[in-house]
Amino acid sequence: MFRRGLLYLSESSGAKKLLTGTPLTRTMSLRFVPGERVEDLIGAVREANAQGLKVTANYLGEAVTNRQQAQAAADTYLEVLDRTDREGLDASISLKFTQMGQDIDDAFLRENLGRVLQRADDAGIFVRFDMESSAYVQRTLDAFEALWRDGWRNIGVVLQAYMRRTAGDVARMNELGARVRLCKGAYREPPEVALQDMAAIRKNFAELMQVLLRDGVLPGIATHDERLVDATVRFVRREGIDPSRFEFQMLYGVRRDLQQRLVEQGYTVRVYVPFGEKWYPYLMRRLAERPENVAFMVESMVKESPLGVLFGSSTPGGRTSGSGGSGNSGRSGGSHG
């Protein structure tokens, strides 16, 4: 019920108007979104790289129906690619077809997206296509396969473990040789298309993870659920799968301790760093993924408030700011669920 309520708030224009006008909500969003400008993103990428983390950069936005907005989104990605290439940063990009104009016109989408794909290809930078709600799953995969047939190979897609169809989609992407990021899923979906029970979602995630690690191409295992992280580590050790054959992928904003622990164990960790003005629905979906995300942000804000300064930086349970969720400059990393 709590999760569904937050997902409802992510889609409510009334709730958005009310909540985005409060400094508290904007402060909360900084736990997951480093800022609204490209410069904010680049600073976060530099910091992550310095900690041994790779990055996927995402300019927040979807469901664009205006040509100028879609072109502006592409222009922003071109700026990100230019900065990343010029500074030699270790970062790929992640975007949505609807952000590039899928709901406007197919020819326009090809032209607008083509600018981004070509610049990324010239710079040797990988492009990931984020998955959207169930209404767009087939359209996303169709558009992805069309690009694959056109010869683009610096591209990959995201699949969601809570979707009932995903086993078939994983098999298809493995057949193509396309790179997949596997996450739990963060949209509010009906029971007929998506699993609703978290235990069932975890079970499906674990099964799909094994298929991707055995048969896939450099899959991204996107979770900060320690049960699933541990299951992944046990599986690769048992099967003798080299850590260079996959990545753990986690969201900016939660569990930097887990990220660093995995890096120290020799695993590749890529952090998904979003930025932009469209932070509100993203924040609500992140909160919905795990109730612990709400507690983490409240705890962090208390530590940084005048009250927290007065009583010191220790957190409930005796943990300090260096032992759990928060990181340098108030930033921390997390996962896709």
C-alpha atoms as a PDB file:
ATOM      1  CA  MET A   1       0.000   0.000   0.000  1.00  0.00           C
ATOM      2  CA  PHE A   2       2.837   2.401   0.877  1.00  0.00           C
ATOM      3  CA  ARG A   3       4.603   1.689  -2.427  1.00  0.00           C
ATOM      4  CA  ARG A   4       1.426   2.127  -4.456  1.00  0.00           C
ATOM      5  CA  GLY A   5       0.719   5.414  -2.713  1.00  0.00           C
ATOM      6  CA  LEU A   6       4.121   6.818  -3.652  1.00  0.00           C
ATOM      7  CA  LEU A   7       3.761   5.625  -7.235  1.00  0.00           C
ATOM      8  CA  TYR A   8       0.382   7.385  -7.362  1.00  0.00           C
ATOM      9  CA  LEU A   9       2.025  10.581  -6.098  1.00  0.00           C
ATOM     10  CA  SER A  10       4.640  10.292  -8.857  1.00  0.00           C
ATOM     11  CA  GLU A  11       1.834  10.615 -11.434  1.00  0.00           C
ATOM     12  CA  SER A  12      -0.314  13.207  -9.627  1.00  0.00           C
ATOM     13  CA  SER A  13      -0.049  16.762 -10.980  1.00  0.00           C
ATOM     14  CA  GLY A  14      -1.706  18.116  -7.815  1.00  0.00           C
ATOM     15  CA  ALA A  15       0.769  16.394  -5.519  1.00  0.00           C
ATOM     16  CA  LYS A  16       3.642  17.527  -7.736  1.00  0.00           C
ATOM     17  CA  LYS A  17       2.568  21.168  -7.531  1.00  0.00           C
ATOM     18  CA  LEU A  18       2.251  20.969  -3.761  1.00  0.00           C
ATOM     19  CA  LEU A  19       5.451  19.047  -3.007  1.00  0.00           C
ATOM     20  CA  THR A  20       7.862  20.620  -5.467  1.00  0.00           C
ATOM     21  CA  GLY A  21       7.159  24.006  -3.932  1.00  0.00           C
ATOM     22  CA  THR A  22       8.629  23.007  -0.587  1.00  0.00           C
ATOM     23  CA  PRO A  23      12.352  23.355   0.263  1.00  0.00           C
ATOM     24  CA  LEU A  24      12.177  20.076   2.195  1.00  0.00           C
ATOM     25  CA  THR A  25      11.240  18.053  -0.899  1.00  0.00           C
ATOM     26  CA  ARG A  26      13.939  19.734  -2.991  1.00  0.00           C
ATOM     27  CA  THR A  27      16.497  18.939  -0.286  1.00  0.00           C
ATOM     28  CA  MET A  28      15.319  15.317  -0.313  1.00  0.00           C
ATOM     29  CA  SER A  29      15.725  15.152  -4.084  1.00  0.00           C
ATOM     30  CA  LEU A  30      19.414  16.052  -3.834  1.00  0.00           C
ATOM     31  CA  ARG A  31      19.971  12.618  -2.302  1.00  0.00           C
ATOM     32  CA  PHE A  32      19.135  11.111  -5.679  1.00  0.00           C
ATOM     33  CA  VAL A  33      19.701  13.925  -8.193  1.00  0.00           C
ATOM     34  CA  PRO A  34      22.922  16.002  -7.940  1.00  0.00           C
ATOM     35  CA  GLY A  35      21.368  18.999  -9.683  1.00  0.00           C
ATOM     36  CA  GLU A  36      19.586  20.347 -12.720  1.00  0.00           C
ATOM     37  CA  ARG A  37      22.556  21.429 -14.878  1.00  0.00           C
ATOM     38  CA  VAL A  38      25.091  19.529 -16.947  1.00  0.00           C
ATOM     39  CA  GLU A  39      27.761  21.026 -14.709  1.00  0.00           C
ATOM     40  CA  ASP A  40      26.100  19.390 -11.672  1.00  0.00           C
ATOM     41  CA  LEU A  41      26.173  16.059 -13.456  1.00  0.00           C
ATOM     42  CA  ILE A  42      29.828  16.381 -14.479  1.00  0.00           C
ATOM     43  CA  GLY A  43      30.815  17.131 -10.892  1.00  0.00           C
ATOM     44  CA  ALA A  44      29.051  13.967  -9.731  1.00  0.00           C
ATOM     45  CA  VAL A  45      30.718  11.924 -12.495  1.00  0.00           C
ATOM     46  CA  ARG A  46      34.162  13.183 -11.504  1.00  0.00           C
ATOM     47  CA  GLU A  47      33.492  12.284  -7.879  1.00  0.00           C
ATOM     48  CA  ALA A  48      32.231   8.801  -8.740  1.00  0.00           C
ATOM     49  CA  ASN A  49      35.184   8.080 -11.046  1.00  0.00           C
ATOM     50  CA  ALA A  50      37.573   9.185  -8.293  1.00  0.00           C
ATOM     51  CA  GLN A  51      36.016   6.484  -6.082  1.00  0.00           C
ATOM     52  CA  GLY A  52      36.543   3.771  -8.686  1.00  0.00           C
ATOM     53  CA  LEU A  53      32.958   3.847  -9.957  1.00  0.00           C
ATOM     54  CA  LYS A  54      31.789   3.974 -13.557  1.00  0.00           C
ATOM     55  CA  VAL A  55      28.744   6.122 -14.376  1.00  0.00           C
ATOM     56  CA  THR A  56      25.633   6.128 -16.512  1.00  0.00           C
ATOM     57  CA  ALA A  57      24.399   9.704 -16.995  1.00  0.00           C
ATOM     58  CA  ASN A  58      20.674  10.313 -17.438  1.00  0.00           C
ATOM     59  CA  TYR A  59      18.922  13.580 -18.321  1.00  0.00           C
ATOM     60  CA  LEU A  60      15.544  13.163 -16.667  1.00  0.00           C
ATOM     61  CA  GLY A  61      12.464  13.321 -18.871  1.00  0.00           C
ATOM     62  CA  GLU A  62       9.983  11.211 -20.811  1.00  0.00           C
ATOM     63  CA  ALA A  63       6.706  11.349 -22.775  1.00  0.00           C
ATOM     64  CA  VAL A  64       7.784  14.427 -24.778  1.00  0.00           C
ATOM     65  CA  THR A  65       5.206  15.525 -27.376  1.00  0.00           C
ATOM     66  CA  ASN A  66       6.846  18.802 -28.410  1.00  0.00           C
ATOM     67  CA  ARG A  67       9.544  18.824 -31.103  1.00  0.00           C
ATOM     68  CA  GLN A  68      11.443  21.683 -29.499  1.00  0.00           C
ATOM     69  CA  GLN A  69      11.557  19.882 -26.147  1.00  0.00           C
ATOM     70  CA  ALA A  70      12.754  16.653 -27.771  1.00  0.00           C
ATOM     71  CA  GLN A  71      15.453  18.543 -29.694  1.00  0.00           C
ATOM     72  CA  ALA A  72      16.483  20.329 -26.496  1.00  0.00           C
ATOM     73  CA  ALA A  73      16.819  16.960 -24.730  1.00  0.00           C
ATOM     74  CA  ALA A  74      19.027  15.674 -27.554  1.00  0.00           C
ATOM     75  CA  ASP A  75      21.097  18.864 -27.403  1.00  0.00           C
ATOM     76  CA  THR A  76      21.600  18.325 -23.666  1.00  0.00           C
ATOM     77  CA  TYR A  77      22.842  14.798 -24.289  1.00  0.00           C
ATOM     78  CA  LEU A  78      25.221  16.119 -26.954  1.00  0.00           C
ATOM     79  CA  GLU A  79      26.628  18.513 -24.359  1.00  0.00           C
ATOM     80  CA  VAL A  80      27.025  15.637 -21.887  1.00  0.00           C
ATOM     81  CA  LEU A  81      28.807  13.546 -24.530  1.00  0.00           C
ATOM     82  CA  ASP A  82      31.104  16.424 -25.447  1.00  0.00           C
ATOM     83  CA  ARG A  83      32.038  17.077 -21.827  1.00  0.00           C
ATOM     84  CA  THR A  84      32.509  13.388 -21.065  1.00  0.00           C
ATOM     85  CA  ASP A  85      34.684  12.856 -24.133  1.00  0.00           C
ATOM     86  CA  ARG A  86      36.733  16.034 -23.636  1.00  0.00           C
ATOM     87  CA  GLU A  87      37.472  15.314 -19.982  1.00  0.00           C
ATOM     88  CA  GLY A  88      38.088  11.594 -20.480  1.00  0.00           C
ATOM     89  CA  LEU A  89      35.446  10.625 -17.918  1.00  0.00           C
ATOM     90  CA  ASP A  90      34.260   7.036 -17.532  1.00  0.00           C
ATOM     91  CA  ALA A  91      30.563   7.491 -18.257  1.00  0.00           C
ATOM     92  CA  SER A  92      27.920   6.161 -20.621  1.00  0.00           C
ATOM     93  CA  ILE A  93      24.498   7.743 -21.149  1.00  0.00           C
ATOM     94  CA  SER A  94      20.979   6.479 -20.560  1.00  0.00           C
ATOM     95  CA  LEU A  95      17.877   7.894 -22.272  1.00  0.00           C
ATOM     96  CA  LYS A  96      14.270   7.157 -23.214  1.00  0.00           C
ATOM     97  CA  PHE A  97      12.798   6.871 -26.694  1.00  0.00           C
ATOM     98  CA  THR A  98       9.826   9.029 -25.704  1.00  0.00           C
ATOM     99  CA  GLN A  99      12.229  11.735 -24.543  1.00  0.00           C
ATOM    100  CA  MET A 100      13.709  11.813 -28.048  1.00  0.00           C
ATOM    101  CA  GLY A 101      10.315  12.102 -29.797  1.00  0.00           C
ATOM    102  CA  GLN A 102       8.844   8.608 -30.142  1.00  0.00           C
ATOM    103  CA  ASP A 103       5.327   9.952 -29.532  1.00  0.00           C
ATOM    104  CA  ILE A 104       5.775  12.669 -32.172  1.00  0.00           C
ATOM    105  CA  ASP A 105       6.862  10.997 -35.399  1.00  0.00           C
ATOM    106  CA  ASP A 106       9.057   8.046 -36.360  1.00  0.00           C
ATOM    107  CA  ALA A 107      11.067  10.047 -38.893  1.00  0.00           C
ATOM    108  CA  PHE A 108      11.641  12.822 -36.373  1.00  0.00           C
ATOM    109  CA  LEU A 109      12.709  10.274 -33.746  1.00  0.00           C
ATOM    110  CA  ARG A 110      15.281   8.754 -36.117  1.00  0.00           C
ATOM    111  CA  GLU A 111      16.700  12.160 -36.988  1.00  0.00           C
ATOM    112  CA  ASN A 112      16.770  13.524 -33.441  1.00  0.00           C
ATOM    113  CA  LEU A 113      18.089  10.345 -31.834  1.00  0.00           C
ATOM    114  CA  GLY A 114      20.511   9.786 -34.676  1.00  0.00           C
ATOM    115  CA  ARG A 115      22.435  12.927 -33.703  1.00  0.00           C
ATOM    116  CA  VAL A 116      23.007  11.502 -30.228  1.00  0.00           C
ATOM    117  CA  LEU A 117      23.884   7.999 -31.391  1.00  0.00           C
ATOM    118  CA  GLN A 118      26.396   9.267 -33.937  1.00  0.00           C
ATOM    119  CA  ARG A 119      28.151  11.545 -31.451  1.00  0.00           C
ATOM    120  CA  ALA A 120      28.262   8.717 -28.902  1.00  0.00           C
ATOM    121  CA  ASP A 121      29.638   6.318 -31.494  1.00  0.00           C
ATOM    122  CA  ASP A 122      32.321   8.824 -32.543  1.00  0.00           C
ATOM    123  CA  ALA A 123      33.396   9.144 -28.899  1.00  0.00           C
ATOM    124  CA  GLY A 124      33.158   5.420 -28.155  1.00  0.00           C
ATOM    125  CA  ILE A 125      30.458   6.043 -25.528  1.00  0.00           C
ATOM    126  CA  PHE A 126      27.757   3.458 -24.829  1.00  0.00           C
ATOM    127  CA  VAL A 127      24.041   4.388 -24.961  1.00  0.00           C
ATOM    128  CA  ARG A 128      21.448   2.627 -22.820  1.00  0.00           C
ATOM    129  CA  PHE A 129      17.708   2.891 -23.520  1.00  0.00           C
ATOM    130  CA  ASP A 130      15.719   3.033 -20.301  1.00  0.00           C
ATOM    131  CA  MET A 131      12.509   1.028 -20.086  1.00  0.00           C
ATOM    132  CA  GLU A 132       9.254   2.853 -19.465  1.00  0.00           C
ATOM    133  CA  SER A 133       5.802   1.758 -18.303  1.00  0.00           C
ATOM    134  CA  SER A 134       4.106  -1.355 -19.693  1.00  0.00           C
ATOM    135  CA  ALA A 135       2.366   0.671 -22.420  1.00  0.00           C
ATOM    136  CA  TYR A 136       5.806   1.320 -23.938  1.00  0.00           C
ATOM    137  CA  VAL A 137       7.630  -1.972 -23.386  1.00  0.00           C
ATOM    138  CA  GLN A 138       6.940  -3.456 -26.813  1.00  0.00           C
ATOM    139  CA  ARG A 139       7.409  -0.101 -28.541  1.00  0.00           C
ATOM    140  CA  THR A 140      10.746   0.352 -26.784  1.00  0.00           C
ATOM    141  CA  LEU A 141      11.974  -3.095 -27.791  1.00  0.00           C
ATOM    142  CA  ASP A 142      10.720  -2.652 -31.373  1.00  0.00           C
ATOM    143  CA  ALA A 143      12.536   0.677 -31.660  1.00  0.00           C
ATOM    144  CA  PHE A 144      15.667  -0.857 -30.147  1.00  0.00           C
ATOM    145  CA  GLU A 145      15.659  -3.773 -32.577  1.00  0.00           C
ATOM    146  CA  ALA A 146      15.173  -1.380 -35.501  1.00  0.00           C
ATOM    147  CA  LEU A 147      18.343   0.435 -34.456  1.00  0.00           C
ATOM    148  CA  TRP A 148      20.123  -2.903 -34.057  1.00  0.00           C
ATOM    149  CA  ARG A 149      19.125  -3.889 -37.613  1.00  0.00           C
ATOM    150  CA  ASP A 150      20.478  -0.544 -38.819  1.00  0.00           C
ATOM    151  CA  GLY A 151      23.872  -1.588 -37.495  1.00  0.00           C
ATOM    152  CA  TRP A 152      24.132   0.318 -34.211  1.00  0.00           C
ATOM    153  CA  ARG A 153      26.078  -1.738 -31.678  1.00  0.00           C
ATOM    154  CA  ASN A 154      26.968   0.846 -29.036  1.00  0.00           C
ATOM    155  CA  ILE A 155      23.474   0.422 -27.553  1.00  0.00           C
ATOM    156  CA  GLY A 156      21.707  -1.626 -24.869  1.00  0.00           C
ATOM    157  CA  VAL A 157      18.326  -1.797 -23.189  1.00  0.00           C
ATOM    158  CA  VAL A 158      16.786  -2.113 -19.721  1.00  0.00           C
ATOM    159  CA  LEU A 159      14.467  -4.978 -18.739  1.00  0.00           C
ATOM    160  CA  GLN A 160      12.350  -5.106 -15.586  1.00  0.00           C
ATOM    161  CA  ALA A 161      12.115  -8.234 -13.456  1.00  0.00           C
ATOM    162  CA  TYR A 162       8.599  -7.525 -12.225  1.00  0.00           C
ATOM    163  CA  MET A 163       7.166  -7.689 -15.767  1.00  0.00           C
ATOM    164  CA  ARG A 164       5.677 -11.113 -16.471  1.00  0.00           C
ATOM    165  CA  ARG A 165       7.000 -11.059 -20.043  1.00  0.00           C
ATOM    166  CA  THR A 166      10.638 -10.376 -19.207  1.00  0.00           C
ATOM    167  CA  ALA A 167      11.970 -13.944 -19.438  1.00  0.00           C
ATOM    168  CA  GLY A 168      11.097 -13.951 -23.126  1.00  0.00           C
ATOM    169  CA  ASP A 169      12.617 -10.514 -23.614  1.00  0.00           C
ATOM    170  CA  VAL A 170      15.853 -11.600 -21.929  1.00  0.00           C
ATOM    171  CA  ALA A 171      16.062 -14.602 -24.253  1.00  0.00           C
ATOM    172  CA  ARG A 172      15.537 -12.351 -27.283  1.00  0.00           C
ATOM    173  CA  MET A 173      18.192  -9.828 -26.246  1.00  0.00           C
ATOM    174  CA  ASN A 174      20.653 -12.633 -25.536  1.00  0.00           C
ATOM    175  CA  GLU A 175      19.938 -14.032 -29.003  1.00  0.00           C
ATOM    176  CA  LEU A 176      20.744 -10.634 -30.543  1.00  0.00           C
ATOM    177  CA  GLY A 177      23.874 -10.226 -28.432  1.00  0.00           C
ATOM    178  CA  ALA A 178      22.552  -6.972 -26.959  1.00  0.00           C
ATOM    179  CA  ARG A 179      23.579  -5.701 -23.552  1.00  0.00           C
ATOM    180  CA  VAL A 180      20.830  -5.740 -20.883  1.00  0.00           C
ATOM    181  CA  ARG A 181      20.486  -3.893 -17.610  1.00  0.00           C
ATOM    182  CA  LEU A 182      18.219  -5.915 -15.317  1.00  0.00           C
ATOM    183  CA  CYS A 183      16.305  -4.011 -12.625  1.00  0.00           C
ATOM    184  CA  LYS A 184      13.253  -4.772 -10.504  1.00  0.00           C
ATOM    185  CA  GLY A 185      10.984  -2.094 -12.001  1.00  0.00           C
ATOM    186  CA  ALA A 186       9.572   1.121 -10.580  1.00  0.00           C
ATOM    187  CA  TYR A 187       6.286   1.922 -12.361  1.00  0.00           C
ATOM    188  CA  ARG A 188       2.803   1.289 -11.001  1.00  0.00           C
ATOM    189  CA  GLU A 189       1.543  -1.638 -13.076  1.00  0.00           C
ATOM    190  CA  PRO A 190      -1.569  -3.855 -12.977  1.00  0.00           C
ATOM    191  CA  PRO A 191      -1.287  -7.464 -11.729  1.00  0.00           C
ATOM    192  CA  GLU A 192      -1.976  -8.933 -15.156  1.00  0.00           C
ATOM    193  CA  VAL A 193       1.281  -7.536 -16.562  1.00  0.00           C
ATOM    194  CA  ALA A 194       3.534  -7.253 -13.502  1.00  0.00           C
ATOM    195  CA  LEU A 195       4.299  -9.239 -10.372  1.00  0.00           C
ATOM    196  CA  GLN A 196       3.088  -7.441  -7.233  1.00  0.00           C
ATOM    197  CA  ASP A 197       4.688  -9.486  -4.448  1.00  0.00           C
ATOM    198  CA  MET A 198       8.283  -8.524  -3.615  1.00  0.00           C
ATOM    199  CA  ALA A 199       9.287 -12.109  -2.863  1.00  0.00           C
ATOM    200  CA  ALA A 200       8.099 -13.146  -6.324  1.00  0.00           C
ATOM    201  CA  ILE A 201       9.924 -10.207  -7.915  1.00  0.00           C
ATOM    202  CA  ARG A 202      13.161 -11.143  -6.152  1.00  0.00           C
ATOM    203  CA  LYS A 203      12.798 -14.758  -7.264  1.00  0.00           C
ATOM    204  CA  ASN A 204      12.251 -13.726 -10.877  1.00  0.00           C
ATOM    205  CA  PHE A 205      15.158 -11.282 -10.710  1.00  0.00           C
ATOM    206  CA  ALA A 206      17.487 -14.020  -9.429  1.00  0.00           C
ATOM    207  CA  GLU A 207      16.431 -16.418 -12.182  1.00  0.00           C
ATOM    208  CA  LEU A 208      16.836 -13.793 -14.922  1.00  0.00           C
ATOM    209  CA  MET A 209      20.179 -12.733 -13.472  1.00  0.00           C
ATOM    210  CA  GLN A 210      21.492 -16.269 -13.891  1.00  0.00           C
ATOM    211  CA  VAL A 211      20.322 -16.464 -17.512  1.00  0.00           C
ATOM    212  CA  LEU A 212      21.984 -13.138 -18.324  1.00  0.00           C
ATOM    213  CA  LEU A 213      25.238 -14.057 -16.617  1.00  0.00           C
ATOM    214  CA  ARG A 214      25.397 -17.407 -18.439  1.00  0.00           C
ATOM    215  CA  ASP A 215      24.231 -16.330 -21.885  1.00  0.00           C
ATOM    216  CA  GLY A 216      24.247 -12.519 -22.036  1.00  0.00           C
ATOM    217  CA  VAL A 217      26.753  -9.880 -23.116  1.00  0.00           C
ATOM    218  CA  LEU A 218      28.170  -7.746 -20.287  1.00  0.00           C
ATOM    219  CA  PRO A 219      24.856  -7.587 -18.380  1.00  0.00           C
ATOM    220  CA  GLY A 220      24.194  -4.928 -15.775  1.00  0.00           C
ATOM    221  CA  ILE A 221      22.814  -6.420 -12.551  1.00  0.00           C
ATOM    222  CA  ALA A 222      21.025  -3.369 -11.192  1.00  0.00           C
ATOM    223  CA  THR A 223      20.120  -3.708  -7.537  1.00  0.00           C
ATOM    224  CA  HIS A 224      21.132  -2.629  -4.057  1.00  0.00           C
ATOM    225  CA  ASP A 225      19.054  -5.417  -2.514  1.00  0.00           C
ATOM    226  CA  GLU A 226      21.799  -7.243  -0.608  1.00  0.00           C
ATOM    227  CA  ARG A 227      20.024 -10.584  -0.928  1.00  0.00           C
ATOM    228  CA  LEU A 228      20.220 -10.253  -4.709  1.00  0.00           C
ATOM    229  CA  VAL A 229      23.756  -8.894  -4.642  1.00  0.00           C
ATOM    230  CA  ASP A 230      24.846 -11.848  -2.503  1.00  0.00           C
ATOM    231  CA  ALA A 231      22.981 -14.266  -4.777  1.00  0.00           C
ATOM    232  CA  THR A 232      24.813 -12.795  -7.771  1.00  0.00           C
ATOM    233  CA  VAL A 233      28.212 -13.103  -6.083  1.00  0.00           C
ATOM    234  CA  ARG A 234      27.517 -16.712  -5.076  1.00  0.00           C
ATOM    235  CA  PHE A 235      26.410 -17.585  -8.595  1.00  0.00           C
ATOM    236  CA  VAL A 236      29.420 -16.098 -10.399  1.00  0.00           C
ATOM    237  CA  ARG A 237      31.793 -17.755  -7.964  1.00  0.00           C
ATOM    238  CA  ARG A 238      30.099 -21.122  -8.336  1.00  0.00           C
ATOM    239  CA  GLU A 239      30.026 -20.864 -12.139  1.00  0.00           C
ATOM    240  CA  GLY A 240      33.518 -19.420 -12.437  1.00  0.00           C
ATOM    241  CA  ILE A 241      32.281 -16.266 -14.182  1.00  0.00           C
ATOM    242  CA  ASP A 242      34.961 -13.583 -14.315  1.00  0.00           C
ATOM    243  CA  PRO A 243      33.966 -10.203 -12.800  1.00  0.00           C
ATOM    244  CA  SER A 244      34.913  -8.526 -16.110  1.00  0.00           C
ATOM    245  CA  ARG A 245      31.900 -10.190 -17.768  1.00  0.00           C
ATOM    246  CA  PHE A 246      29.238  -8.166 -15.951  1.00  0.00           C
ATOM    247  CA  GLU A 247      28.601  -5.023 -13.907  1.00  0.00           C
ATOM    248  CA  PHE A 248      26.729  -4.246 -10.751  1.00  0.00           C
ATOM    249  CA  GLN A 249      24.699  -1.115 -11.420  1.00  0.00           C
ATOM    250  CA  MET A 250      23.327   1.109  -8.669  1.00  0.00           C
ATOM    251  CA  LEU A 251      21.523   4.403  -8.308  1.00  0.00           C
ATOM    252  CA  TYR A 252      23.057   7.611  -7.119  1.00  0.00           C
ATOM    253  CA  GLY A 253      21.644   8.264  -3.679  1.00  0.00           C
ATOM    254  CA  VAL A 254      21.757   5.088  -1.598  1.00  0.00           C
ATOM    255  CA  ARG A 255      24.273   2.572  -0.211  1.00  0.00           C
ATOM    256  CA  ARG A 256      27.672   3.951  -1.120  1.00  0.00           C
ATOM    257  CA  ASP A 257      29.075   1.530   1.439  1.00  0.00           C
ATOM    258  CA  LEU A 258      27.837  -1.409  -0.635  1.00  0.00           C
ATOM    259  CA  GLN A 259      29.248   0.094  -3.830  1.00  0.00           C
ATOM    260  CA  GLN A 260      32.686   0.553  -2.293  1.00  0.00           C
ATOM    261  CA  ARG A 261      32.665  -2.921  -0.779  1.00  0.00           C
ATOM    262  CA  LEU A 262      31.985  -4.461  -4.188  1.00  0.00           C
ATOM    263  CA  VAL A 263      34.701  -2.352  -5.836  1.00  0.00           C
ATOM    264  CA  GLU A 264      37.161  -3.490  -3.176  1.00  0.00           C
ATOM    265  CA  GLN A 265      36.202  -7.096  -3.926  1.00  0.00           C
ATOM    266  CA  GLY A 266      37.139  -6.578  -7.571  1.00  0.00           C
ATOM    267  CA  TYR A 267      33.701  -6.088  -9.109  1.00  0.00           C
ATOM    268  CA  THR A 268      32.771  -3.354 -11.580  1.00  0.00           C
ATOM    269  CA  VAL A 269      30.139  -0.978 -10.216  1.00  0.00           C
ATOM    270  CA  ARG A 270      28.378   1.565 -12.412  1.00  0.00           C
ATOM    271  CA  VAL A 271      26.327   4.314 -10.767  1.00  0.00           C
ATOM    272  CA  TYR A 272      23.249   5.713 -12.508  1.00  0.00           C
ATOM    273  CA  VAL A 273      23.446   9.507 -12.079  1.00  0.00           C
ATOM    274  CA  PRO A 274      20.353  11.468 -13.171  1.00  0.00           C
ATOM    275  CA  PHE A 275      20.071  15.230 -13.464  1.00  0.00           C
ATOM    276  CA  GLY A 276      17.597  17.821 -14.689  1.00  0.00           C
ATOM    277  CA  GLU A 277      14.427  19.673 -13.806  1.00  0.00           C
ATOM    278  CA  LYS A 278      12.182  16.584 -14.060  1.00  0.00           C
ATOM    279  CA  TRP A 279      13.347  15.247 -10.707  1.00  0.00           C
ATOM    280  CA  TYR A 280       9.946  14.954  -8.988  1.00  0.00           C
ATOM    281  CA  PRO A 281       8.526  11.750 -10.585  1.00  0.00           C
ATOM    282  CA  TYR A 282      11.984  10.194 -10.418  1.00  0.00           C
ATOM    283  CA  LEU A 283      12.203  10.933  -6.686  1.00  0.00           C
ATOM    284  CA  MET A 284       8.757   9.468  -5.981  1.00  0.00           C
ATOM    285  CA  ARG A 285       9.589   6.243  -7.837  1.00  0.00           C
ATOM    286  CA  ARG A 286      12.869   5.904  -5.950  1.00  0.00           C
ATOM    287  CA  LEU A 287      11.034   6.277  -2.640  1.00  0.00           C
ATOM    288  CA  ALA A 288       8.493   3.689  -3.742  1.00  0.00           C
ATOM    289  CA  GLU A 289      11.159   1.101  -4.512  1.00  0.00           C
ATOM    290  CA  ARG A 290      12.084   0.597  -0.861  1.00  0.00           C
ATOM    291  CA  PRO A 291      10.587   2.068   2.337  1.00  0.00           C
ATOM    292  CA  GLU A 292      14.157   2.243   3.639  1.00  0.00           C
ATOM    293  CA  ASN A 293      14.822   5.038   1.130  1.00  0.00           C
ATOM    294  CA  VAL A 294      12.425   7.306   3.033  1.00  0.00           C
ATOM    295  CA  ALA A 295      14.096   6.553   6.363  1.00  0.00           C
ATOM    296  CA  PHE A 296      17.534   7.102   4.837  1.00  0.00           C
ATOM    297  CA  MET A 297      16.684  10.558   3.535  1.00  0.00           C
ATOM    298  CA  VAL A 298      14.941  11.685   6.714  1.00  0.00           C
ATOM    299  CA  GLU A 299      17.904  10.466   8.744  1.00  0.00           C
ATOM    300  CA  SER A 300      20.335  12.276   6.466  1.00  0.00           C
ATOM    301  CA  MET A 301      18.417  15.545   6.588  1.00  0.00           C
ATOM    302  CA  VAL A 302      18.241  15.432  10.380  1.00  0.00           C
ATOM    303  CA  LYS A 303      22.010  15.002  10.534  1.00  0.00           C
ATOM    304  CA  GLU A 304      22.512  18.061   8.325  1.00  0.00           C
ATOM    305  CA  SER A 305      19.965  20.259  10.110  1.00  0.00           C
ATOM    306  CA  PRO A 306      20.898  22.684  12.908  1.00  0.00           C
ATOM    307  CA  LEU A 307      19.531  20.100  15.353  1.00  0.00           C
ATOM    308  CA  GLY A 308      21.832  17.450  13.905  1.00  0.00           C
ATOM    309  CA  VAL A 309      24.824  19.774  14.154  1.00  0.00           C
ATOM    310  CA  LEU A 310      23.940  20.574  17.766  1.00  0.00           C
ATOM    311  CA  PHE A 311      23.814  16.916  18.794  1.00  0.00           C
ATOM    312  CA  GLY A 312      26.584  15.651  16.517  1.00  0.00           C
ATOM    313  CA  SER A 313      26.676  13.544  13.374  1.00  0.00           C
ATOM    314  CA  SER A 314      25.896  10.144  14.860  1.00  0.00           C
ATOM    315  CA  THR A 315      22.792   8.413  13.600  1.00  0.00           C
ATOM    316  CA  PRO A 316      20.270   6.085  15.252  1.00  0.00           C
ATOM    317  CA  GLY A 317      21.931   2.836  16.180  1.00  0.00           C
ATOM    318  CA  GLY A 318      25.299   4.488  16.719  1.00  0.00           C
ATOM    319  CA  ARG A 319      26.285   4.673  13.048  1.00  0.00           C
ATOM    320  CA  THR A 320      28.244   7.655  11.816  1.00  0.00           C
ATOM    321  CA  SER A 321      27.966   9.424   8.489  1.00  0.00           C
ATOM    322  CA  GLY A 322      30.886   7.406   7.160  1.00  0.00           C
ATOM    323  CA  SER A 323      29.447   3.986   7.942  1.00  0.00           C
ATOM    324  CA  GLY A 324      26.219   3.831   6.027  1.00  0.00           C
ATOM    325  CA  GLY A 325      24.239   5.768   3.478  1.00  0.00           C
ATOM    326  CA  SER A 326      25.896   9.152   3.169  1.00  0.00           C
ATOM    327  CA  GLY A 327      29.044   9.862   1.226  1.00  0.00           C
ATOM    328  CA  ASN A 328      31.386  12.693   0.405  1.00  0.00           C
ATOM    329  CA  SER A 329      29.812  16.133   0.157  1.00  0.00           C
ATOM    330  CA  GLY A 330      26.520  14.649   1.336  1.00  0.00           C
ATOM    331  CA  ARG A 331      26.319  12.358  -1.673  1.00  0.00           C
ATOM    332  CA  SER A 332      25.838   8.626  -1.703  1.00  0.00           C
ATOM    333  CA  GLY A 333      25.129   5.856  -4.141  1.00  0.00           C
ATOM    334  CA  GLY A 334      22.403   3.286  -4.472  1.00  0.00           C
ATOM    335  CA  SER A 335      20.718   0.960  -6.916  1.00  0.00           C
ATOM    336  CA  HIS A 336      17.844   0.194  -9.180  1.00  0.00           C
ATOM    337  CA  GLY A 337      16.014  -1.767  -6.565  1.00  0.00           C
END
